[in-house]
Amino acid sequence: MTANPNILHVDMSGMPVRWISIQEAISYYARGAVLFELGNPIVTYRGGHNSVTNTQSEITANSIIAINGSVVSSDAYSIVPHLTNEKLFQRDHHLCAYCGQVFANHRHLSRDHIQPVSKGGQDTWMNVVTSCRVCNGRKADRTPEKAGMPLLYLPYTPDRFENFILEQGTRRVLADQMEFLLSRVGKKSRMHQFSKNLQ
């Protein structure tokens, strides 16, 4: 199991809301605020003993829990996820869009603007790819066409469900959480191919 996994908090309809810590999840259980559970049990907390029955209290938390009263606004699904280097590298699976090498260490990677910012390009998901620092330096302030460096893959904007995976990083998402989120991730996502490679 992943060390210190987070629990996926979903709303009453099963839509993901946010990642929460195990401690926060246990507090929802203790208050009776958990409406239903999905996924597998991941931790059991034991409390004191009942003075009459001598039984010990315990709370077991599942990897995905619905909290009573929480509802995700339909507007939340049209919001473009915040772009960070970490999420970008996760989206592109640490693969340089120019030379095709995979780099495990983020220090060897950079955010490359397909249409350079100096030439009117925007810092958006659709204009950025993961590039190794060597290729980024070689491409310089040019488009891939002008640099003679064709893209090996196209950029895309992650949807809300994929963003939940990117926020955690694929190594920190538990298998049942990944299955739950991937079943809702758009078909254009490379996350589907990545998950097949893990099997």
N, C-alpha and C. Protein backbone atom coordinates (compact mmCIF):
# COMPACT_ATOMS: atom_id res chain seq x y z
N MET A 1 0.84 -1.19 0.00
CA MET A 1 0.00 0.00 0.00
C MET A 1 0.88 1.25 0.00
N THR A 2 0.38 2.31 -0.63
CA THR A 2 1.08 3.59 -0.64
C THR A 2 1.26 4.10 0.78
N ALA A 3 2.44 4.63 1.08
CA ALA A 3 2.69 5.19 2.41
C ALA A 3 1.84 6.45 2.58
N ASN A 4 1.19 6.56 3.74
CA ASN A 4 0.34 7.70 4.06
C ASN A 4 -0.63 8.06 2.93
N PRO A 5 -1.48 7.12 2.54
CA PRO A 5 -2.42 7.43 1.44
C PRO A 5 -3.46 8.46 1.88
N ASN A 6 -3.95 9.21 0.93
CA ASN A 6 -5.07 10.10 1.20
C ASN A 6 -6.35 9.40 0.80
N ILE A 7 -7.45 9.89 1.32
CA ILE A 7 -8.76 9.33 1.04
C ILE A 7 -9.49 10.28 0.10
N LEU A 8 -10.18 9.71 -0.89
CA LEU A 8 -10.93 10.52 -1.84
C LEU A 8 -12.31 10.82 -1.28
N HIS A 9 -12.57 12.09 -1.05
CA HIS A 9 -13.88 12.55 -0.56
C HIS A 9 -14.75 12.82 -1.77
N VAL A 10 -15.90 12.15 -1.86
CA VAL A 10 -16.86 12.37 -2.94
C VAL A 10 -18.14 12.94 -2.37
N ASP A 11 -18.93 13.55 -3.25
CA ASP A 11 -20.19 14.11 -2.77
C ASP A 11 -21.28 13.04 -2.78
N MET A 12 -22.50 13.43 -2.51
CA MET A 12 -23.60 12.48 -2.36
C MET A 12 -23.92 11.75 -3.66
N SER A 13 -23.52 12.33 -4.81
CA SER A 13 -23.77 11.67 -6.09
C SER A 13 -22.55 10.88 -6.57
N GLY A 14 -21.49 10.86 -5.77
CA GLY A 14 -20.29 10.11 -6.13
C GLY A 14 -19.27 10.91 -6.92
N MET A 15 -19.46 12.23 -7.01
CA MET A 15 -18.50 13.08 -7.72
C MET A 15 -17.36 13.49 -6.77
N PRO A 16 -16.10 13.41 -7.23
CA PRO A 16 -14.98 13.75 -6.35
C PRO A 16 -14.99 15.21 -5.94
N VAL A 17 -14.69 15.45 -4.67
CA VAL A 17 -14.66 16.80 -4.11
C VAL A 17 -13.22 17.22 -3.83
N ARG A 18 -12.49 16.39 -3.05
CA ARG A 18 -11.10 16.71 -2.72
C ARG A 18 -10.46 15.51 -2.06
N TRP A 19 -9.14 15.58 -1.94
CA TRP A 19 -8.39 14.58 -1.18
C TRP A 19 -8.34 15.01 0.27
N ILE A 20 -8.54 14.06 1.18
CA ILE A 20 -8.46 14.37 2.61
C ILE A 20 -7.52 13.38 3.29
N SER A 21 -7.01 13.78 4.43
CA SER A 21 -6.11 12.90 5.18
C SER A 21 -6.92 11.80 5.88
N ILE A 22 -6.25 10.75 6.29
CA ILE A 22 -6.91 9.68 7.03
C ILE A 22 -7.52 10.23 8.32
N GLN A 23 -6.78 11.11 9.00
CA GLN A 23 -7.28 11.69 10.26
C GLN A 23 -8.57 12.47 10.04
N GLU A 24 -8.62 13.23 8.95
CA GLU A 24 -9.84 13.99 8.65
C GLU A 24 -11.00 13.04 8.35
N ALA A 25 -10.71 11.97 7.60
CA ALA A 25 -11.75 10.98 7.29
C ALA A 25 -12.28 10.34 8.57
N ILE A 26 -11.38 9.98 9.49
CA ILE A 26 -11.79 9.35 10.75
C ILE A 26 -12.73 10.28 11.53
N SER A 27 -12.44 11.59 11.47
CA SER A 27 -13.32 12.54 12.18
C SER A 27 -14.71 12.56 11.58
N TYR A 28 -14.82 12.40 10.24
CA TYR A 28 -16.14 12.32 9.61
C TYR A 28 -16.86 11.05 10.05
N TYR A 29 -16.14 9.93 10.11
CA TYR A 29 -16.73 8.68 10.59
C TYR A 29 -17.24 8.84 12.01
N ALA A 30 -16.42 9.44 12.87
CA ALA A 30 -16.76 9.59 14.30
C ALA A 30 -18.00 10.45 14.49
N ARG A 31 -18.20 11.42 13.60
CA ARG A 31 -19.37 12.29 13.69
C ARG A 31 -20.60 11.71 13.00
N GLY A 32 -20.43 10.55 12.37
CA GLY A 32 -21.55 9.93 11.66
C GLY A 32 -21.88 10.64 10.36
N ALA A 33 -20.89 11.34 9.77
CA ALA A 33 -21.13 12.13 8.56
C ALA A 33 -20.85 11.37 7.27
N VAL A 34 -20.36 10.12 7.37
CA VAL A 34 -20.07 9.35 6.17
C VAL A 34 -21.37 8.72 5.67
N LEU A 35 -21.77 9.10 4.46
CA LEU A 35 -23.03 8.64 3.88
C LEU A 35 -22.90 7.24 3.30
N PHE A 36 -21.82 7.02 2.54
CA PHE A 36 -21.53 5.68 2.02
C PHE A 36 -20.04 5.58 1.70
N GLU A 37 -19.59 4.34 1.50
CA GLU A 37 -18.18 4.08 1.23
C GLU A 37 -18.03 3.35 -0.10
N LEU A 38 -16.90 3.61 -0.76
CA LEU A 38 -16.52 2.89 -1.96
C LEU A 38 -15.07 2.44 -1.78
N GLY A 39 -14.58 1.64 -2.69
CA GLY A 39 -13.19 1.21 -2.56
C GLY A 39 -13.01 0.22 -1.44
N ASN A 40 -11.77 0.08 -1.01
CA ASN A 40 -11.41 -0.90 0.01
C ASN A 40 -11.08 -0.25 1.34
N PRO A 41 -11.24 -1.00 2.44
CA PRO A 41 -10.79 -0.48 3.74
C PRO A 41 -9.27 -0.31 3.70
N ILE A 42 -8.78 0.82 4.25
CA ILE A 42 -7.33 1.02 4.23
C ILE A 42 -6.72 1.20 5.62
N VAL A 43 -7.55 1.51 6.62
CA VAL A 43 -6.99 1.69 7.96
C VAL A 43 -8.08 1.49 9.00
N THR A 44 -7.69 0.94 10.14
CA THR A 44 -8.62 0.80 11.27
C THR A 44 -8.02 1.48 12.49
N TYR A 45 -8.78 2.38 13.10
CA TYR A 45 -8.37 3.05 14.33
C TYR A 45 -9.14 2.41 15.48
N ARG A 46 -8.43 2.10 16.56
CA ARG A 46 -9.06 1.50 17.73
C ARG A 46 -9.08 2.50 18.89
N GLY A 47 -10.23 2.51 19.59
CA GLY A 47 -10.37 3.44 20.72
C GLY A 47 -10.37 2.69 22.04
N GLY A 48 -11.11 3.23 22.99
CA GLY A 48 -11.15 2.65 24.33
C GLY A 48 -12.11 1.48 24.42
N HIS A 49 -12.14 0.87 25.62
CA HIS A 49 -13.02 -0.27 25.88
C HIS A 49 -14.28 0.18 26.60
N ASN A 50 -15.40 -0.41 26.22
CA ASN A 50 -16.67 -0.15 26.89
C ASN A 50 -16.62 -0.79 28.27
N SER A 51 -16.95 -0.03 29.31
CA SER A 51 -16.85 -0.53 30.69
C SER A 51 -17.87 -1.63 30.99
N VAL A 52 -18.97 -1.68 30.22
CA VAL A 52 -20.00 -2.69 30.45
C VAL A 52 -19.73 -3.95 29.64
N THR A 53 -19.51 -3.77 28.35
CA THR A 53 -19.34 -4.93 27.47
C THR A 53 -17.88 -5.34 27.28
N ASN A 54 -16.98 -4.46 27.68
CA ASN A 54 -15.53 -4.68 27.54
C ASN A 54 -15.11 -4.81 26.07
N THR A 55 -15.96 -4.32 25.14
CA THR A 55 -15.59 -4.33 23.73
C THR A 55 -14.85 -3.04 23.39
N GLN A 56 -13.91 -3.15 22.48
CA GLN A 56 -13.12 -1.99 22.08
C GLN A 56 -13.77 -1.32 20.86
N SER A 57 -13.87 -0.01 20.91
CA SER A 57 -14.44 0.72 19.77
C SER A 57 -13.41 0.77 18.64
N GLU A 58 -13.90 0.76 17.43
CA GLU A 58 -12.99 0.88 16.29
C GLU A 58 -13.69 1.53 15.11
N ILE A 59 -12.92 2.23 14.29
CA ILE A 59 -13.43 2.86 13.06
C ILE A 59 -12.52 2.43 11.92
N THR A 60 -13.12 1.88 10.88
CA THR A 60 -12.37 1.49 9.69
C THR A 60 -12.73 2.45 8.56
N ALA A 61 -11.71 3.02 7.94
CA ALA A 61 -11.92 3.99 6.86
C ALA A 61 -11.64 3.35 5.51
N ASN A 62 -12.53 3.59 4.56
CA ASN A 62 -12.34 3.13 3.19
C ASN A 62 -11.58 4.18 2.39
N SER A 63 -11.11 3.79 1.21
CA SER A 63 -10.30 4.68 0.40
C SER A 63 -11.11 5.78 -0.29
N ILE A 64 -12.43 5.57 -0.41
CA ILE A 64 -13.32 6.56 -1.02
C ILE A 64 -14.55 6.68 -0.13
N ILE A 65 -14.85 7.90 0.32
CA ILE A 65 -16.02 8.07 1.19
C ILE A 65 -16.86 9.26 0.74
N ALA A 66 -18.17 9.10 0.86
CA ALA A 66 -19.10 10.19 0.56
C ALA A 66 -19.50 10.85 1.88
N ILE A 67 -19.39 12.17 1.90
CA ILE A 67 -19.74 12.92 3.11
C ILE A 67 -21.15 13.48 2.96
N ASN A 68 -21.97 13.24 3.94
CA ASN A 68 -23.35 13.71 3.93
C ASN A 68 -23.41 15.22 3.78
N GLY A 69 -24.22 15.69 2.84
CA GLY A 69 -24.43 17.13 2.66
C GLY A 69 -23.52 17.78 1.64
N SER A 70 -22.43 17.10 1.22
CA SER A 70 -21.52 17.73 0.26
C SER A 70 -22.02 17.52 -1.17
N VAL A 71 -22.02 18.61 -1.94
CA VAL A 71 -22.47 18.56 -3.32
C VAL A 71 -21.51 19.40 -4.17
N VAL A 72 -21.09 18.82 -5.30
CA VAL A 72 -20.22 19.55 -6.22
C VAL A 72 -21.08 20.31 -7.21
N SER A 73 -20.82 21.60 -7.36
CA SER A 73 -21.55 22.41 -8.33
C SER A 73 -21.23 21.94 -9.74
N SER A 74 -22.22 21.97 -10.62
CA SER A 74 -21.99 21.56 -12.01
C SER A 74 -20.99 22.48 -12.69
N ASP A 75 -20.88 23.72 -12.22
CA ASP A 75 -19.91 24.67 -12.78
C ASP A 75 -18.48 24.22 -12.54
N ALA A 76 -18.25 23.44 -11.49
CA ALA A 76 -16.89 23.02 -11.16
C ALA A 76 -16.26 22.17 -12.25
N TYR A 77 -17.09 21.51 -13.07
CA TYR A 77 -16.56 20.62 -14.09
C TYR A 77 -16.09 21.34 -15.33
N SER A 78 -16.43 22.63 -15.45
CA SER A 78 -15.94 23.41 -16.59
C SER A 78 -14.70 24.22 -16.25
N ILE A 79 -14.27 24.17 -14.99
CA ILE A 79 -13.09 24.92 -14.58
C ILE A 79 -11.84 24.21 -15.08
N VAL A 80 -10.94 24.97 -15.71
CA VAL A 80 -9.69 24.40 -16.21
C VAL A 80 -8.75 24.21 -15.03
N PRO A 81 -8.19 23.01 -14.86
CA PRO A 81 -7.27 22.77 -13.74
C PRO A 81 -6.07 23.70 -13.78
N HIS A 82 -5.58 24.07 -12.61
CA HIS A 82 -4.41 24.94 -12.51
C HIS A 82 -3.19 24.22 -13.09
N LEU A 83 -2.44 24.92 -13.93
CA LEU A 83 -1.26 24.35 -14.59
C LEU A 83 -0.03 24.53 -13.71
N THR A 84 0.61 23.40 -13.38
CA THR A 84 1.89 23.43 -12.67
C THR A 84 2.85 22.49 -13.40
N ASN A 85 4.14 22.67 -13.19
CA ASN A 85 5.11 21.77 -13.81
C ASN A 85 4.88 20.33 -13.36
N GLU A 86 4.61 20.15 -12.08
CA GLU A 86 4.43 18.80 -11.56
C GLU A 86 3.27 18.10 -12.25
N LYS A 87 2.14 18.80 -12.39
CA LYS A 87 0.98 18.21 -13.07
C LYS A 87 1.28 17.98 -14.56
N LEU A 88 1.98 18.93 -15.18
CA LEU A 88 2.32 18.78 -16.59
C LEU A 88 3.18 17.54 -16.82
N PHE A 89 4.20 17.36 -15.99
CA PHE A 89 5.08 16.20 -16.15
C PHE A 89 4.32 14.91 -15.91
N GLN A 90 3.36 14.94 -14.97
CA GLN A 90 2.52 13.76 -14.74
C GLN A 90 1.63 13.49 -15.95
N ARG A 91 1.03 14.57 -16.49
CA ARG A 91 0.16 14.39 -17.66
C ARG A 91 0.92 13.72 -18.80
N ASP A 92 2.18 14.15 -19.00
CA ASP A 92 2.98 13.65 -20.12
C ASP A 92 3.86 12.46 -19.74
N HIS A 93 3.66 11.95 -18.52
CA HIS A 93 4.38 10.76 -18.04
C HIS A 93 5.90 10.90 -18.11
N HIS A 94 6.36 12.14 -17.84
CA HIS A 94 7.81 12.44 -17.78
C HIS A 94 8.52 12.15 -19.09
N LEU A 95 7.77 12.20 -20.18
CA LEU A 95 8.30 11.89 -21.52
C LEU A 95 8.57 13.18 -22.27
N CYS A 96 9.80 13.38 -22.72
CA CYS A 96 10.14 14.56 -23.52
C CYS A 96 9.39 14.48 -24.85
N ALA A 97 8.69 15.55 -25.18
CA ALA A 97 7.88 15.58 -26.40
C ALA A 97 8.71 15.64 -27.67
N TYR A 98 10.03 15.81 -27.52
CA TYR A 98 10.90 15.97 -28.70
C TYR A 98 11.83 14.78 -28.92
N CYS A 99 12.51 14.33 -27.87
CA CYS A 99 13.46 13.21 -28.06
C CYS A 99 12.86 11.87 -27.64
N GLY A 100 11.74 11.89 -26.90
CA GLY A 100 11.08 10.66 -26.52
C GLY A 100 11.66 9.95 -25.31
N GLN A 101 12.64 10.58 -24.64
CA GLN A 101 13.21 9.96 -23.45
C GLN A 101 12.33 10.23 -22.24
N VAL A 102 12.31 9.24 -21.32
CA VAL A 102 11.59 9.39 -20.06
C VAL A 102 12.59 9.77 -18.98
N PHE A 103 12.26 10.78 -18.20
CA PHE A 103 13.14 11.27 -17.15
C PHE A 103 12.43 11.17 -15.80
N ALA A 104 12.97 10.36 -14.90
CA ALA A 104 12.36 10.19 -13.58
C ALA A 104 12.59 11.41 -12.70
N ASN A 105 13.71 12.08 -12.90
CA ASN A 105 14.06 13.24 -12.07
C ASN A 105 13.54 14.52 -12.71
N HIS A 106 12.73 15.26 -11.96
CA HIS A 106 12.14 16.50 -12.48
C HIS A 106 13.19 17.54 -12.84
N ARG A 107 14.37 17.45 -12.26
CA ARG A 107 15.41 18.45 -12.54
C ARG A 107 15.86 18.41 -14.00
N HIS A 108 15.60 17.30 -14.68
CA HIS A 108 16.00 17.18 -16.09
C HIS A 108 14.88 17.61 -17.03
N LEU A 109 13.74 18.03 -16.48
CA LEU A 109 12.58 18.38 -17.29
C LEU A 109 12.26 19.87 -17.19
N SER A 110 11.55 20.35 -18.19
CA SER A 110 11.10 21.74 -18.19
C SER A 110 9.76 21.84 -18.93
N ARG A 111 9.12 22.98 -18.74
CA ARG A 111 7.86 23.28 -19.44
C ARG A 111 8.20 24.00 -20.73
N ASP A 112 7.85 23.41 -21.86
CA ASP A 112 8.13 24.05 -23.14
C ASP A 112 6.85 24.59 -23.75
N HIS A 113 6.91 25.84 -24.20
CA HIS A 113 5.77 26.46 -24.89
C HIS A 113 5.91 26.18 -26.38
N ILE A 114 4.93 25.48 -26.92
CA ILE A 114 4.97 25.10 -28.34
C ILE A 114 5.06 26.37 -29.19
N GLN A 115 4.14 27.27 -28.99
CA GLN A 115 4.23 28.62 -29.56
C GLN A 115 4.89 29.48 -28.50
N PRO A 116 6.13 29.92 -28.71
CA PRO A 116 6.85 30.67 -27.67
C PRO A 116 6.07 31.86 -27.15
N VAL A 117 6.19 32.11 -25.86
CA VAL A 117 5.50 33.24 -25.23
C VAL A 117 5.91 34.54 -25.90
N SER A 118 7.18 34.65 -26.28
CA SER A 118 7.67 35.88 -26.93
C SER A 118 7.02 36.12 -28.29
N LYS A 119 6.41 35.05 -28.83
CA LYS A 119 5.75 35.18 -30.13
C LYS A 119 4.23 35.08 -29.99
N GLY A 120 3.73 35.38 -28.79
CA GLY A 120 2.29 35.42 -28.57
C GLY A 120 1.68 34.16 -28.00
N GLY A 121 2.51 33.15 -27.72
CA GLY A 121 2.00 31.91 -27.14
C GLY A 121 1.54 32.11 -25.70
N GLN A 122 0.55 31.34 -25.30
CA GLN A 122 -0.01 31.45 -23.95
C GLN A 122 0.52 30.33 -23.05
N ASP A 123 0.52 30.60 -21.77
CA ASP A 123 0.94 29.59 -20.77
C ASP A 123 -0.29 28.79 -20.37
N THR A 124 -0.76 27.94 -21.30
CA THR A 124 -1.96 27.15 -21.08
C THR A 124 -1.66 25.68 -21.37
N TRP A 125 -2.52 24.80 -20.88
CA TRP A 125 -2.35 23.37 -21.10
C TRP A 125 -2.19 23.02 -22.58
N MET A 126 -2.91 23.72 -23.45
CA MET A 126 -2.90 23.40 -24.88
C MET A 126 -1.67 23.93 -25.61
N ASN A 127 -0.83 24.70 -24.93
CA ASN A 127 0.36 25.25 -25.57
C ASN A 127 1.65 24.79 -24.88
N VAL A 128 1.55 23.81 -23.99
CA VAL A 128 2.76 23.37 -23.30
C VAL A 128 2.90 21.85 -23.37
N VAL A 129 4.15 21.42 -23.40
CA VAL A 129 4.49 20.01 -23.33
C VAL A 129 5.70 19.86 -22.42
N THR A 130 5.94 18.64 -21.99
CA THR A 130 7.12 18.33 -21.21
C THR A 130 8.31 18.19 -22.15
N SER A 131 9.40 18.83 -21.79
CA SER A 131 10.62 18.75 -22.60
C SER A 131 11.80 18.54 -21.67
N CYS A 132 12.76 17.75 -22.13
CA CYS A 132 14.00 17.68 -21.36
C CYS A 132 14.73 19.01 -21.56
N ARG A 133 15.61 19.33 -20.64
CA ARG A 133 16.29 20.62 -20.70
C ARG A 133 17.16 20.75 -21.94
N VAL A 134 17.75 19.65 -22.39
CA VAL A 134 18.60 19.67 -23.59
C VAL A 134 17.76 20.05 -24.81
N CYS A 135 16.61 19.38 -24.99
CA CYS A 135 15.75 19.69 -26.14
C CYS A 135 15.17 21.09 -26.05
N ASN A 136 14.82 21.51 -24.84
CA ASN A 136 14.27 22.85 -24.66
C ASN A 136 15.29 23.90 -25.09
N GLY A 137 16.55 23.68 -24.71
CA GLY A 137 17.60 24.61 -25.11
C GLY A 137 17.84 24.60 -26.62
N ARG A 138 17.74 23.42 -27.21
CA ARG A 138 17.95 23.28 -28.66
C ARG A 138 16.82 23.94 -29.45
N LYS A 139 15.59 23.76 -28.96
CA LYS A 139 14.44 24.37 -29.64
C LYS A 139 14.48 25.89 -29.50
N ALA A 140 14.96 26.34 -28.36
CA ALA A 140 15.10 27.78 -28.07
C ALA A 140 13.76 28.49 -28.26
N ASP A 141 13.81 29.68 -28.82
CA ASP A 141 12.64 30.54 -28.93
C ASP A 141 11.98 30.37 -30.30
N ARG A 142 11.72 29.08 -30.66
CA ARG A 142 11.15 28.78 -31.98
C ARG A 142 9.98 27.81 -31.82
N THR A 143 9.17 27.72 -32.85
CA THR A 143 8.13 26.70 -32.87
C THR A 143 8.79 25.36 -33.21
N PRO A 144 8.14 24.24 -32.94
CA PRO A 144 8.72 22.95 -33.33
C PRO A 144 9.03 22.86 -34.82
N GLU A 145 8.17 23.45 -35.65
CA GLU A 145 8.39 23.41 -37.10
C GLU A 145 9.65 24.16 -37.49
N LYS A 146 9.80 25.37 -36.93
CA LYS A 146 10.99 26.19 -37.28
C LYS A 146 12.27 25.54 -36.76
N ALA A 147 12.16 24.83 -35.63
CA ALA A 147 13.34 24.18 -35.05
C ALA A 147 13.62 22.82 -35.67
N GLY A 148 12.71 22.34 -36.52
CA GLY A 148 12.88 21.01 -37.10
C GLY A 148 12.77 19.91 -36.06
N MET A 149 11.91 20.14 -35.04
CA MET A 149 11.74 19.19 -33.93
C MET A 149 10.25 18.87 -33.78
N PRO A 150 9.72 17.95 -34.59
CA PRO A 150 8.29 17.65 -34.51
C PRO A 150 7.90 17.05 -33.16
N LEU A 151 6.68 17.39 -32.75
CA LEU A 151 6.15 16.86 -31.48
C LEU A 151 5.85 15.37 -31.61
N LEU A 152 6.18 14.61 -30.57
CA LEU A 152 5.87 13.18 -30.54
C LEU A 152 4.46 12.92 -30.03
N TYR A 153 3.87 13.90 -29.36
CA TYR A 153 2.49 13.79 -28.88
C TYR A 153 1.91 15.19 -28.79
N LEU A 154 0.59 15.26 -28.73
CA LEU A 154 -0.11 16.54 -28.69
C LEU A 154 -0.53 16.88 -27.26
N PRO A 155 -0.57 18.15 -26.94
CA PRO A 155 -1.05 18.55 -25.60
C PRO A 155 -2.57 18.44 -25.51
N TYR A 156 -3.07 18.40 -24.30
CA TYR A 156 -4.51 18.45 -24.07
C TYR A 156 -4.75 18.99 -22.66
N THR A 157 -5.96 19.43 -22.41
CA THR A 157 -6.32 19.95 -21.09
C THR A 157 -6.94 18.82 -20.27
N PRO A 158 -6.36 18.49 -19.12
CA PRO A 158 -6.94 17.43 -18.28
C PRO A 158 -8.33 17.84 -17.79
N ASP A 159 -9.22 16.87 -17.68
CA ASP A 159 -10.53 17.16 -17.10
C ASP A 159 -10.45 17.09 -15.57
N ARG A 160 -11.56 17.36 -14.93
CA ARG A 160 -11.59 17.40 -13.46
C ARG A 160 -11.15 16.07 -12.84
N PHE A 161 -11.56 14.95 -13.45
CA PHE A 161 -11.25 13.65 -12.88
C PHE A 161 -9.76 13.33 -13.00
N GLU A 162 -9.20 13.62 -14.18
CA GLU A 162 -7.76 13.40 -14.34
C GLU A 162 -6.98 14.31 -13.42
N ASN A 163 -7.48 15.52 -13.21
CA ASN A 163 -6.79 16.46 -12.32
C ASN A 163 -6.64 15.90 -10.91
N PHE A 164 -7.62 15.13 -10.46
CA PHE A 164 -7.51 14.51 -9.13
C PHE A 164 -6.33 13.54 -9.09
N ILE A 165 -6.09 12.83 -10.18
CA ILE A 165 -4.95 11.91 -10.26
C ILE A 165 -3.65 12.71 -10.30
N LEU A 166 -3.63 13.78 -11.12
CA LEU A 166 -2.43 14.60 -11.25
C LEU A 166 -2.07 15.30 -9.95
N GLU A 167 -3.08 15.72 -9.18
CA GLU A 167 -2.83 16.38 -7.89
C GLU A 167 -2.05 15.48 -6.94
N GLN A 168 -2.40 14.21 -6.94
CA GLN A 168 -1.76 13.26 -6.04
C GLN A 168 -0.45 12.71 -6.61
N GLY A 169 -0.41 12.59 -7.92
CA GLY A 169 0.70 11.87 -8.55
C GLY A 169 0.30 10.40 -8.64
N THR A 170 0.56 9.78 -9.77
CA THR A 170 0.07 8.43 -10.01
C THR A 170 0.57 7.42 -8.98
N ARG A 171 1.73 7.66 -8.37
CA ARG A 171 2.27 6.70 -7.41
C ARG A 171 1.56 6.76 -6.06
N ARG A 172 0.83 7.85 -5.79
CA ARG A 172 0.18 7.99 -4.49
C ARG A 172 -1.32 7.66 -4.55
N VAL A 173 -1.85 7.43 -5.75
CA VAL A 173 -3.26 7.07 -5.88
C VAL A 173 -3.39 5.56 -5.74
N LEU A 174 -4.23 5.12 -4.82
CA LEU A 174 -4.43 3.69 -4.61
C LEU A 174 -5.14 3.07 -5.81
N ALA A 175 -4.96 1.78 -6.00
CA ALA A 175 -5.50 1.09 -7.19
C ALA A 175 -7.01 1.26 -7.33
N ASP A 176 -7.75 1.14 -6.23
CA ASP A 176 -9.21 1.27 -6.33
C ASP A 176 -9.63 2.72 -6.58
N GLN A 177 -8.86 3.68 -6.05
CA GLN A 177 -9.12 5.09 -6.34
C GLN A 177 -8.84 5.39 -7.81
N MET A 178 -7.74 4.82 -8.32
CA MET A 178 -7.38 5.01 -9.73
C MET A 178 -8.47 4.45 -10.64
N GLU A 179 -8.95 3.26 -10.32
CA GLU A 179 -10.01 2.65 -11.12
C GLU A 179 -11.27 3.51 -11.12
N PHE A 180 -11.63 4.03 -9.95
CA PHE A 180 -12.81 4.88 -9.80
C PHE A 180 -12.67 6.15 -10.65
N LEU A 181 -11.52 6.82 -10.56
CA LEU A 181 -11.32 8.07 -11.30
C LEU A 181 -11.17 7.82 -12.79
N LEU A 182 -10.43 6.78 -13.16
CA LEU A 182 -10.22 6.50 -14.59
C LEU A 182 -11.52 6.16 -15.31
N SER A 183 -12.48 5.59 -14.59
CA SER A 183 -13.76 5.25 -15.23
C SER A 183 -14.52 6.51 -15.64
N ARG A 184 -14.08 7.67 -15.13
CA ARG A 184 -14.74 8.94 -15.44
C ARG A 184 -13.85 9.88 -16.27
N VAL A 185 -12.57 9.53 -16.41
CA VAL A 185 -11.63 10.37 -17.18
C VAL A 185 -11.97 10.30 -18.66
N GLY A 186 -11.88 11.44 -19.36
CA GLY A 186 -12.19 11.51 -20.78
C GLY A 186 -11.31 10.59 -21.62
N LYS A 187 -11.82 10.18 -22.75
CA LYS A 187 -11.10 9.22 -23.60
C LYS A 187 -9.83 9.78 -24.20
N LYS A 188 -9.72 11.12 -24.31
CA LYS A 188 -8.53 11.71 -24.92
C LYS A 188 -7.32 11.64 -24.00
N SER A 189 -7.54 11.34 -22.74
CA SER A 189 -6.46 11.33 -21.76
C SER A 189 -5.46 10.21 -22.00
N ARG A 190 -4.18 10.54 -21.89
CA ARG A 190 -3.13 9.51 -21.98
C ARG A 190 -3.08 8.67 -20.72
N MET A 191 -3.81 9.06 -19.70
CA MET A 191 -3.83 8.32 -18.44
C MET A 191 -4.34 6.90 -18.66
N HIS A 192 -5.21 6.69 -19.63
CA HIS A 192 -5.74 5.36 -19.91
C HIS A 192 -4.62 4.44 -20.38
N GLN A 193 -3.79 4.93 -21.30
CA GLN A 193 -2.67 4.12 -21.79
C GLN A 193 -1.68 3.84 -20.67
N PHE A 194 -1.44 4.84 -19.83
CA PHE A 194 -0.52 4.68 -18.72
C PHE A 194 -0.99 3.59 -17.77
N SER A 195 -2.30 3.56 -17.50
CA SER A 195 -2.84 2.57 -16.57
C SER A 195 -2.72 1.16 -17.15
N LYS A 196 -2.85 1.03 -18.48
CA LYS A 196 -2.69 -0.28 -19.12
C LYS A 196 -1.26 -0.78 -18.97
N ASN A 197 -0.32 0.15 -19.05
CA ASN A 197 1.09 -0.22 -18.92
C ASN A 197 1.43 -0.70 -17.51
N LEU A 198 0.63 -0.28 -16.53
CA LEU A 198 0.87 -0.69 -15.14
C LEU A 198 0.36 -2.09 -14.88
N GLN A 199 -0.54 -2.59 -15.73
CA GLN A 199 -1.16 -3.90 -15.48
C GLN A 199 -0.24 -5.04 -15.93
